[in-house]
Each structure stands twice: as structure tokens, then as C-alpha cells.
Amino acid sequence: MRVDIWSDVVCPWCYVGKARFEKALGDFPHRDQVEVVYRSFELDPGYPADMRETARAMLSRKYGMPEAQARAAEERLAGLAQAEGLGLDPDRPVGNTFDLHRVIHLARAKGLQQELLTALNQAYFARGRQVFHRDVITEVAAAAGLDAGAVTEVLDSDEYAGAVRQDEREARDLGISGVPFFVFDMALGVSGAQPVETFTEALNQAWTRRG
């Protein structure tokens, strides 16, 4: 069975949803027969590559939230993350994620996608690092097991750009407008950072559907 997960690197709900899904998968009796593939989705593909602001500042600017409301939203997210054993830096930066998605495709090709995503989540959400800088991307990817030279080659080219765009086209074709979005065997969809029990039910339903 295969589970495709559309997500973005800067999406805190994807961060929480990933942890909840992994808890459900860890208890799934057929987990060794489940392939998990993370797919690209940019929440803000037009975000300027050279722009620097915090997540709270972005919420205030993009959605017109008063600072107090943005702070409260972040505190709520931090509580949800903490409940899953995750850290969430309220002053983490925001940036354009296109190059990160390209490196994630490289990691998938090398069989290290899960390792890279875990490392990126730790660096970005828990530690608030500037994962949008190529030196940080390379450092985090190398620590996850990728060859630093291979990462540099991707960043110096347009390699995997087509793969990122293909993921995004497929998301549109499936009617996906927000992330995280989980698709089980391209037949059953689950939207959002649902409770562990919901993911358990989806895994069981998709497995039963296979016959």
C-alpha cells in the first residue's frame, strides 16, 4: 500500500500531522508493507526568495492579524506540537520553499526522504534555523545522509524543478487546495492534521479495500 502526503516545509499543520500519522503507522500491523511518499506543495509559491520575516510577522501581514492574535495562534500551535512531543520556535523564519522541495526530491531518489524531512522539521520548527539558505540546506541534508556535493549540484541547477511542478499539478487535479493532505492508494483522501485515530481508521480502511 502507498500513502502520498502533500505538504510544505513551512506548514506547522504538516509538522503536527506528520507526527500523528507516524504514530498511527507505527501501530499499524502491516506497516512494513506501506510505502510513504512526500509530495511537493508550496503554500506561497510567490514568496520573495530574498524576503525575511518571522512566522508571526507573516501571519500579521498576510492575514491582517493583530500582533496579539498572531501570538495566540502560534501559542495554540505550540501546544498542539508539544502534545506530540515536538518543539515549535515562535520566532522561526519564513521563506520560499521551492529549492527545499527540489532537495526533498533528491532525497527521495536516494532513499533518504524520510530522514531529510525529519531533519528539516527539527532544524526549522524546533530550532528556528534559516533552512532557506543554501548553506543551511546543505548542512541539514548532509547530516541526514545526503552527499553535500549532490545537494550543491541540485541547488546550482534546475534539477527536480519539473518534479516539484508535477506534484503541484497532480495536487490541483485531485482538488487539493490545502495541506497536509494524505492520499491512500490514490483512492482515499484525508485532509489536515487529523487525530491519530483518524489516520488509524484510514490505514485500516485502505488496507481492507485492497482486498
C-alpha atoms as a PDB file:
ATOM      1  CA  MET A   1       0.000   0.000   0.000  1.00  0.00           C
ATOM      2  CA  ARG A   2       1.190   3.517  -0.723  1.00  0.00           C
ATOM      3  CA  VAL A   3       0.416   6.771   1.065  1.00  0.00           C
ATOM      4  CA  ASP A   4       1.150  10.030  -0.764  1.00  0.00           C
ATOM      5  CA  ILE A   5       1.383  13.076   1.500  1.00  0.00           C
ATOM      6  CA  TRP A   6       1.274  16.576   0.038  1.00  0.00           C
ATOM      7  CA  SER A   7       2.917  19.055   2.394  1.00  0.00           C
ATOM      8  CA  ASP A   8       5.072  22.166   2.636  1.00  0.00           C
ATOM      9  CA  VAL A   9       8.219  22.631   4.687  1.00  0.00           C
ATOM     10  CA  VAL A  10       6.922  25.754   6.469  1.00  0.00           C
ATOM     11  CA  CYS A  11       3.457  24.357   7.245  1.00  0.00           C
ATOM     12  CA  PRO A  12       3.110  23.758  11.017  1.00  0.00           C
ATOM     13  CA  TRP A  13      -0.022  21.671  10.486  1.00  0.00           C
ATOM     14  CA  CYS A  14       2.039  19.417   8.205  1.00  0.00           C
ATOM     15  CA  TYR A  15       4.588  19.121  11.025  1.00  0.00           C
ATOM     16  CA  VAL A  16       1.931  18.068  13.534  1.00  0.00           C
ATOM     17  CA  GLY A  17       0.083  15.914  11.006  1.00  0.00           C
ATOM     18  CA  LYS A  18       3.260  14.043  10.104  1.00  0.00           C
ATOM     19  CA  ALA A  19       3.830  13.140  13.752  1.00  0.00           C
ATOM     20  CA  ARG A  20       0.246  11.951  14.212  1.00  0.00           C
ATOM     21  CA  PHE A  21       0.290   9.913  11.002  1.00  0.00           C
ATOM     22  CA  GLU A  22       3.591   8.299  12.010  1.00  0.00           C
ATOM     23  CA  LYS A  23       2.129   7.285  15.372  1.00  0.00           C
ATOM     24  CA  ALA A  24      -0.766   5.602  13.600  1.00  0.00           C
ATOM     25  CA  LEU A  25       1.547   3.946  11.105  1.00  0.00           C
ATOM     26  CA  GLY A  26       3.832   2.719  13.901  1.00  0.00           C
ATOM     27  CA  ASP A  27       0.939   0.720  15.382  1.00  0.00           C
ATOM     28  CA  PHE A  28      -0.397  -0.485  12.022  1.00  0.00           C
ATOM     29  CA  PRO A  29       0.139  -4.263  11.748  1.00  0.00           C
ATOM     30  CA  HIS A  30       1.032  -4.031   8.025  1.00  0.00           C
ATOM     31  CA  ARG A  31       3.349  -1.025   8.383  1.00  0.00           C
ATOM     32  CA  ASP A  32       6.244  -2.850   6.709  1.00  0.00           C
ATOM     33  CA  GLN A  33       4.130  -3.079   3.565  1.00  0.00           C
ATOM     34  CA  VAL A  34       3.298   0.641   3.436  1.00  0.00           C
ATOM     35  CA  GLU A  35       5.306   2.996   1.215  1.00  0.00           C
ATOM     36  CA  VAL A  36       5.121   6.642   2.271  1.00  0.00           C
ATOM     37  CA  VAL A  37       5.928   9.313  -0.324  1.00  0.00           C
ATOM     38  CA  TYR A  38       6.012  13.025   0.460  1.00  0.00           C
ATOM     39  CA  ARG A  39       4.881  15.270  -2.376  1.00  0.00           C
ATOM     40  CA  SER A  40       5.552  18.943  -3.041  1.00  0.00           C
ATOM     41  CA  PHE A  41       3.054  21.708  -2.273  1.00  0.00           C
ATOM     42  CA  GLU A  42       4.042  25.366  -1.933  1.00  0.00           C
ATOM     43  CA  LEU A  43       1.738  27.348   0.320  1.00  0.00           C
ATOM     44  CA  ASP A  44       3.095  30.597  -1.126  1.00  0.00           C
ATOM     45  CA  PRO A  45       4.991  29.947  -4.384  1.00  0.00           C
ATOM     46  CA  GLY A  46       5.286  33.684  -4.986  1.00  0.00           C
ATOM     47  CA  TYR A  47       7.033  34.394  -1.690  1.00  0.00           C
ATOM     48  CA  PRO A  48      10.121  36.516  -2.493  1.00  0.00           C
ATOM     49  CA  ALA A  49      13.318  34.493  -2.218  1.00  0.00           C
ATOM     50  CA  ASP A  50      15.124  37.372  -0.525  1.00  0.00           C
ATOM     51  CA  MET A  51      12.362  38.317   1.939  1.00  0.00           C
ATOM     52  CA  ARG A  52      12.952  37.626   5.631  1.00  0.00           C
ATOM     53  CA  GLU A  53      10.286  37.717   8.318  1.00  0.00           C
ATOM     54  CA  THR A  54       9.108  35.567  11.206  1.00  0.00           C
ATOM     55  CA  ALA A  55       6.074  33.315  11.051  1.00  0.00           C
ATOM     56  CA  ARG A  56       4.197  35.634  13.414  1.00  0.00           C
ATOM     57  CA  ALA A  57       5.026  38.664  11.283  1.00  0.00           C
ATOM     58  CA  MET A  58       3.836  36.813   8.185  1.00  0.00           C
ATOM     59  CA  LEU A  59       0.513  35.981   9.840  1.00  0.00           C
ATOM     60  CA  SER A  60       0.009  39.628  10.773  1.00  0.00           C
ATOM     61  CA  ARG A  61       0.943  40.873   7.306  1.00  0.00           C
ATOM     62  CA  LYS A  62      -0.780  38.253   5.142  1.00  0.00           C
ATOM     63  CA  TYR A  63      -3.986  37.802   7.106  1.00  0.00           C
ATOM     64  CA  GLY A  64      -4.237  41.190   8.782  1.00  0.00           C
ATOM     65  CA  MET A  65      -3.981  39.664  12.247  1.00  0.00           C
ATOM     66  CA  PRO A  66      -3.239  41.957  15.168  1.00  0.00           C
ATOM     67  CA  GLU A  67       0.051  41.002  16.812  1.00  0.00           C
ATOM     68  CA  ALA A  68      -1.733  39.606  19.867  1.00  0.00           C
ATOM     69  CA  GLN A  69      -3.916  37.365  17.707  1.00  0.00           C
ATOM     70  CA  ALA A  70      -0.887  36.099  15.745  1.00  0.00           C
ATOM     71  CA  ARG A  71       0.889  35.362  19.029  1.00  0.00           C
ATOM     72  CA  ALA A  72      -2.156  33.474  20.324  1.00  0.00           C
ATOM     73  CA  ALA A  73      -2.325  31.412  17.110  1.00  0.00           C
ATOM     74  CA  GLU A  74       1.334  30.480  17.499  1.00  0.00           C
ATOM     75  CA  GLU A  75       0.822  29.562  21.157  1.00  0.00           C
ATOM     76  CA  ARG A  76      -2.046  27.266  20.183  1.00  0.00           C
ATOM     77  CA  LEU A  77       0.130  25.595  17.562  1.00  0.00           C
ATOM     78  CA  ALA A  78       2.960  25.248  20.070  1.00  0.00           C
ATOM     79  CA  GLY A  79       0.593  23.454  22.437  1.00  0.00           C
ATOM     80  CA  LEU A  80      -0.501  21.031  19.735  1.00  0.00           C
ATOM     81  CA  ALA A  81       3.106  20.388  18.753  1.00  0.00           C
ATOM     82  CA  GLN A  82       4.125  19.850  22.379  1.00  0.00           C
ATOM     83  CA  ALA A  83       1.341  17.280  22.771  1.00  0.00           C
ATOM     84  CA  GLU A  84       3.050  15.270  20.023  1.00  0.00           C
ATOM     85  CA  GLY A  85       6.475  15.633  21.642  1.00  0.00           C
ATOM     86  CA  LEU A  86       7.558  18.343  19.189  1.00  0.00           C
ATOM     87  CA  GLY A  87       9.211  21.711  19.642  1.00  0.00           C
ATOM     88  CA  LEU A  88       7.988  24.865  17.907  1.00  0.00           C
ATOM     89  CA  ASP A  89      10.100  28.031  17.801  1.00  0.00           C
ATOM     90  CA  PRO A  90       7.732  31.057  17.728  1.00  0.00           C
ATOM     91  CA  ASP A  91      10.423  33.183  16.077  1.00  0.00           C
ATOM     92  CA  ARG A  92      11.156  30.770  13.218  1.00  0.00           C
ATOM     93  CA  PRO A  93      11.672  32.488   9.862  1.00  0.00           C
ATOM     94  CA  VAL A  94       9.568  32.185   6.739  1.00  0.00           C
ATOM     95  CA  GLY A  95      10.952  31.832   3.220  1.00  0.00           C
ATOM     96  CA  ASN A  96      10.433  30.493  -0.283  1.00  0.00           C
ATOM     97  CA  THR A  97      10.384  26.669  -0.196  1.00  0.00           C
ATOM     98  CA  PHE A  98      10.855  25.770  -3.872  1.00  0.00           C
ATOM     99  CA  ASP A  99      14.549  24.818  -3.558  1.00  0.00           C
ATOM    100  CA  LEU A 100      13.817  22.819  -0.426  1.00  0.00           C
ATOM    101  CA  HIS A 101      11.240  20.809  -2.335  1.00  0.00           C
ATOM    102  CA  ARG A 102      13.807  20.116  -5.052  1.00  0.00           C
ATOM    103  CA  VAL A 103      16.265  18.785  -2.460  1.00  0.00           C
ATOM    104  CA  ILE A 104      13.483  16.671  -0.935  1.00  0.00           C
ATOM    105  CA  HIS A 105      13.029  15.087  -4.376  1.00  0.00           C
ATOM    106  CA  LEU A 106      16.753  14.376  -4.453  1.00  0.00           C
ATOM    107  CA  ALA A 107      16.411  12.696  -1.074  1.00  0.00           C
ATOM    108  CA  ARG A 108      13.559  10.559  -2.357  1.00  0.00           C
ATOM    109  CA  ALA A 109      15.701   9.438  -5.284  1.00  0.00           C
ATOM    110  CA  LYS A 110      18.437   8.448  -2.814  1.00  0.00           C
ATOM    111  CA  GLY A 111      16.064   6.663  -0.433  1.00  0.00           C
ATOM    112  CA  LEU A 112      16.508   9.308   2.275  1.00  0.00           C
ATOM    113  CA  GLN A 113      13.328  11.357   2.016  1.00  0.00           C
ATOM    114  CA  GLN A 114      12.036  10.486   5.481  1.00  0.00           C
ATOM    115  CA  GLU A 115      15.423  11.205   7.058  1.00  0.00           C
ATOM    116  CA  LEU A 116      15.688  14.596   5.356  1.00  0.00           C
ATOM    117  CA  LEU A 117      12.163  15.670   6.256  1.00  0.00           C
ATOM    118  CA  THR A 118      12.722  14.739   9.890  1.00  0.00           C
ATOM    119  CA  ALA A 119      15.986  16.702   9.914  1.00  0.00           C
ATOM    120  CA  LEU A 120      14.382  19.709   8.229  1.00  0.00           C
ATOM    121  CA  ASN A 121      11.486  19.702  10.689  1.00  0.00           C
ATOM    122  CA  GLN A 122      13.891  19.594  13.619  1.00  0.00           C
ATOM    123  CA  ALA A 123      16.065  22.375  12.191  1.00  0.00           C
ATOM    124  CA  TYR A 124      13.204  24.615  11.109  1.00  0.00           C
ATOM    125  CA  PHE A 125      10.344  24.190  13.551  1.00  0.00           C
ATOM    126  CA  ALA A 126      12.168  23.152  16.711  1.00  0.00           C
ATOM    127  CA  ARG A 127      15.311  25.273  16.318  1.00  0.00           C
ATOM    128  CA  GLY A 128      14.124  28.129  14.074  1.00  0.00           C
ATOM    129  CA  ARG A 129      17.014  27.792  11.617  1.00  0.00           C
ATOM    130  CA  GLN A 130      17.181  29.574   8.252  1.00  0.00           C
ATOM    131  CA  VAL A 131      16.710  26.419   6.193  1.00  0.00           C
ATOM    132  CA  PHE A 132      16.094  28.632   3.150  1.00  0.00           C
ATOM    133  CA  HIS A 133      19.809  29.498   2.945  1.00  0.00           C
ATOM    134  CA  ARG A 134      21.741  27.138   0.704  1.00  0.00           C
ATOM    135  CA  ASP A 135      24.488  26.571   3.273  1.00  0.00           C
ATOM    136  CA  VAL A 136      21.931  25.548   5.890  1.00  0.00           C
ATOM    137  CA  ILE A 137      20.027  23.381   3.399  1.00  0.00           C
ATOM    138  CA  THR A 138      23.275  21.627   2.505  1.00  0.00           C
ATOM    139  CA  GLU A 139      24.324  21.179   6.118  1.00  0.00           C
ATOM    140  CA  VAL A 140      20.968  19.713   7.177  1.00  0.00           C
ATOM    141  CA  ALA A 141      20.801  17.463   4.106  1.00  0.00           C
ATOM    142  CA  ALA A 142      24.329  16.174   4.681  1.00  0.00           C
ATOM    143  CA  ALA A 143      23.506  15.388   8.311  1.00  0.00           C
ATOM    144  CA  ALA A 144      20.508  13.398   7.036  1.00  0.00           C
ATOM    145  CA  GLY A 145      22.815  11.283   4.870  1.00  0.00           C
ATOM    146  CA  LEU A 146      22.797  13.072   1.516  1.00  0.00           C
ATOM    147  CA  ASP A 147      26.023  13.865  -0.299  1.00  0.00           C
ATOM    148  CA  ALA A 148      26.745  17.586   0.091  1.00  0.00           C
ATOM    149  CA  GLY A 149      28.102  17.781  -3.441  1.00  0.00           C
ATOM    150  CA  ALA A 150      24.913  16.301  -4.864  1.00  0.00           C
ATOM    151  CA  VAL A 151      22.846  18.869  -2.947  1.00  0.00           C
ATOM    152  CA  THR A 152      25.012  21.689  -4.298  1.00  0.00           C
ATOM    153  CA  GLU A 153      24.577  20.382  -7.850  1.00  0.00           C
ATOM    154  CA  VAL A 154      20.799  20.461  -7.442  1.00  0.00           C
ATOM    155  CA  LEU A 155      20.836  23.972  -5.985  1.00  0.00           C
ATOM    156  CA  ASP A 156      23.095  25.201  -8.801  1.00  0.00           C
ATOM    157  CA  SER A 157      20.739  23.854 -11.468  1.00  0.00           C
ATOM    158  CA  ASP A 158      17.040  23.442 -12.141  1.00  0.00           C
ATOM    159  CA  GLU A 159      17.152  19.719 -11.373  1.00  0.00           C
ATOM    160  CA  TYR A 160      13.894  18.343  -9.941  1.00  0.00           C
ATOM    161  CA  ALA A 161      12.067  21.584 -10.760  1.00  0.00           C
ATOM    162  CA  GLY A 162       9.844  19.600 -13.109  1.00  0.00           C
ATOM    163  CA  ALA A 163       9.153  17.025 -10.396  1.00  0.00           C
ATOM    164  CA  VAL A 164       8.036  19.748  -7.996  1.00  0.00           C
ATOM    165  CA  ARG A 165       5.733  21.250 -10.621  1.00  0.00           C
ATOM    166  CA  GLN A 166       4.341  17.803 -11.455  1.00  0.00           C
ATOM    167  CA  ASP A 167       3.459  17.207  -7.797  1.00  0.00           C
ATOM    168  CA  GLU A 168       1.688  20.542  -7.701  1.00  0.00           C
ATOM    169  CA  ARG A 169      -0.213  19.841 -10.915  1.00  0.00           C
ATOM    170  CA  GLU A 170      -1.318  16.497  -9.546  1.00  0.00           C
ATOM    171  CA  ALA A 171      -2.476  18.185  -6.351  1.00  0.00           C
ATOM    172  CA  ARG A 172      -4.626  20.559  -8.403  1.00  0.00           C
ATOM    173  CA  ASP A 173      -6.010  17.657 -10.438  1.00  0.00           C
ATOM    174  CA  LEU A 174      -7.003  15.925  -7.203  1.00  0.00           C
ATOM    175  CA  GLY A 175      -8.640  19.085  -5.895  1.00  0.00           C
ATOM    176  CA  ILE A 176      -6.110  19.578  -3.112  1.00  0.00           C
ATOM    177  CA  SER A 177      -6.118  23.219  -2.018  1.00  0.00           C
ATOM    178  CA  GLY A 178      -4.505  22.927   1.410  1.00  0.00           C
ATOM    179  CA  VAL A 179      -2.016  20.785   3.253  1.00  0.00           C
ATOM    180  CA  PRO A 180      -1.286  18.393   4.764  1.00  0.00           C
ATOM    181  CA  PHE A 181      -3.275  16.096   2.521  1.00  0.00           C
ATOM    182  CA  PHE A 182      -2.919  12.311   2.733  1.00  0.00           C
ATOM    183  CA  VAL A 183      -3.936  10.032  -0.139  1.00  0.00           C
ATOM    184  CA  PHE A 184      -4.113   6.301   0.490  1.00  0.00           C
ATOM    185  CA  ASP A 185      -3.562   4.215  -2.660  1.00  0.00           C
ATOM    186  CA  MET A 186      -4.888   7.143  -4.712  1.00  0.00           C
ATOM    187  CA  ALA A 187      -8.355   6.170  -3.539  1.00  0.00           C
ATOM    188  CA  LEU A 188      -8.931   7.595  -0.058  1.00  0.00           C
ATOM    189  CA  GLY A 189      -8.087  11.150   0.975  1.00  0.00           C
ATOM    190  CA  VAL A 190      -7.634  12.621   4.447  1.00  0.00           C
ATOM    191  CA  SER A 191      -7.224  16.374   4.814  1.00  0.00           C
ATOM    192  CA  GLY A 192      -5.466  18.122   7.667  1.00  0.00           C
ATOM    193  CA  ALA A 193      -3.595  17.198  10.840  1.00  0.00           C
ATOM    194  CA  GLN A 194      -6.246  14.753  11.969  1.00  0.00           C
ATOM    195  CA  PRO A 195      -6.147  12.817  15.266  1.00  0.00           C
ATOM    196  CA  VAL A 196      -4.125   9.610  15.350  1.00  0.00           C
ATOM    197  CA  GLU A 197      -7.353   7.615  15.448  1.00  0.00           C
ATOM    198  CA  THR A 198      -8.471   9.067  12.126  1.00  0.00           C
ATOM    199  CA  PHE A 199      -5.228   8.010  10.458  1.00  0.00           C
ATOM    200  CA  THR A 200      -5.537   4.550  12.004  1.00  0.00           C
ATOM    201  CA  GLU A 201      -9.031   4.229  10.574  1.00  0.00           C
ATOM    202  CA  ALA A 202      -7.843   5.396   7.142  1.00  0.00           C
ATOM    203  CA  LEU A 203      -4.965   2.904   7.110  1.00  0.00           C
ATOM    204  CA  ASN A 204      -7.306   0.064   8.050  1.00  0.00           C
ATOM    205  CA  GLN A 205      -9.914   1.114   5.505  1.00  0.00           C
ATOM    206  CA  ALA A 206      -7.364   1.433   2.706  1.00  0.00           C
ATOM    207  CA  TRP A 207      -5.829  -1.940   3.574  1.00  0.00           C
ATOM    208  CA  THR A 208      -9.227  -3.649   3.616  1.00  0.00           C
ATOM    209  CA  ARG A 209     -10.085  -2.032   0.303  1.00  0.00           C
ATOM    210  CA  ARG A 210      -7.066  -3.751  -1.258  1.00  0.00           C
ATOM    211  CA  GLY A 211      -8.902  -6.996  -0.689  1.00  0.00           C
END
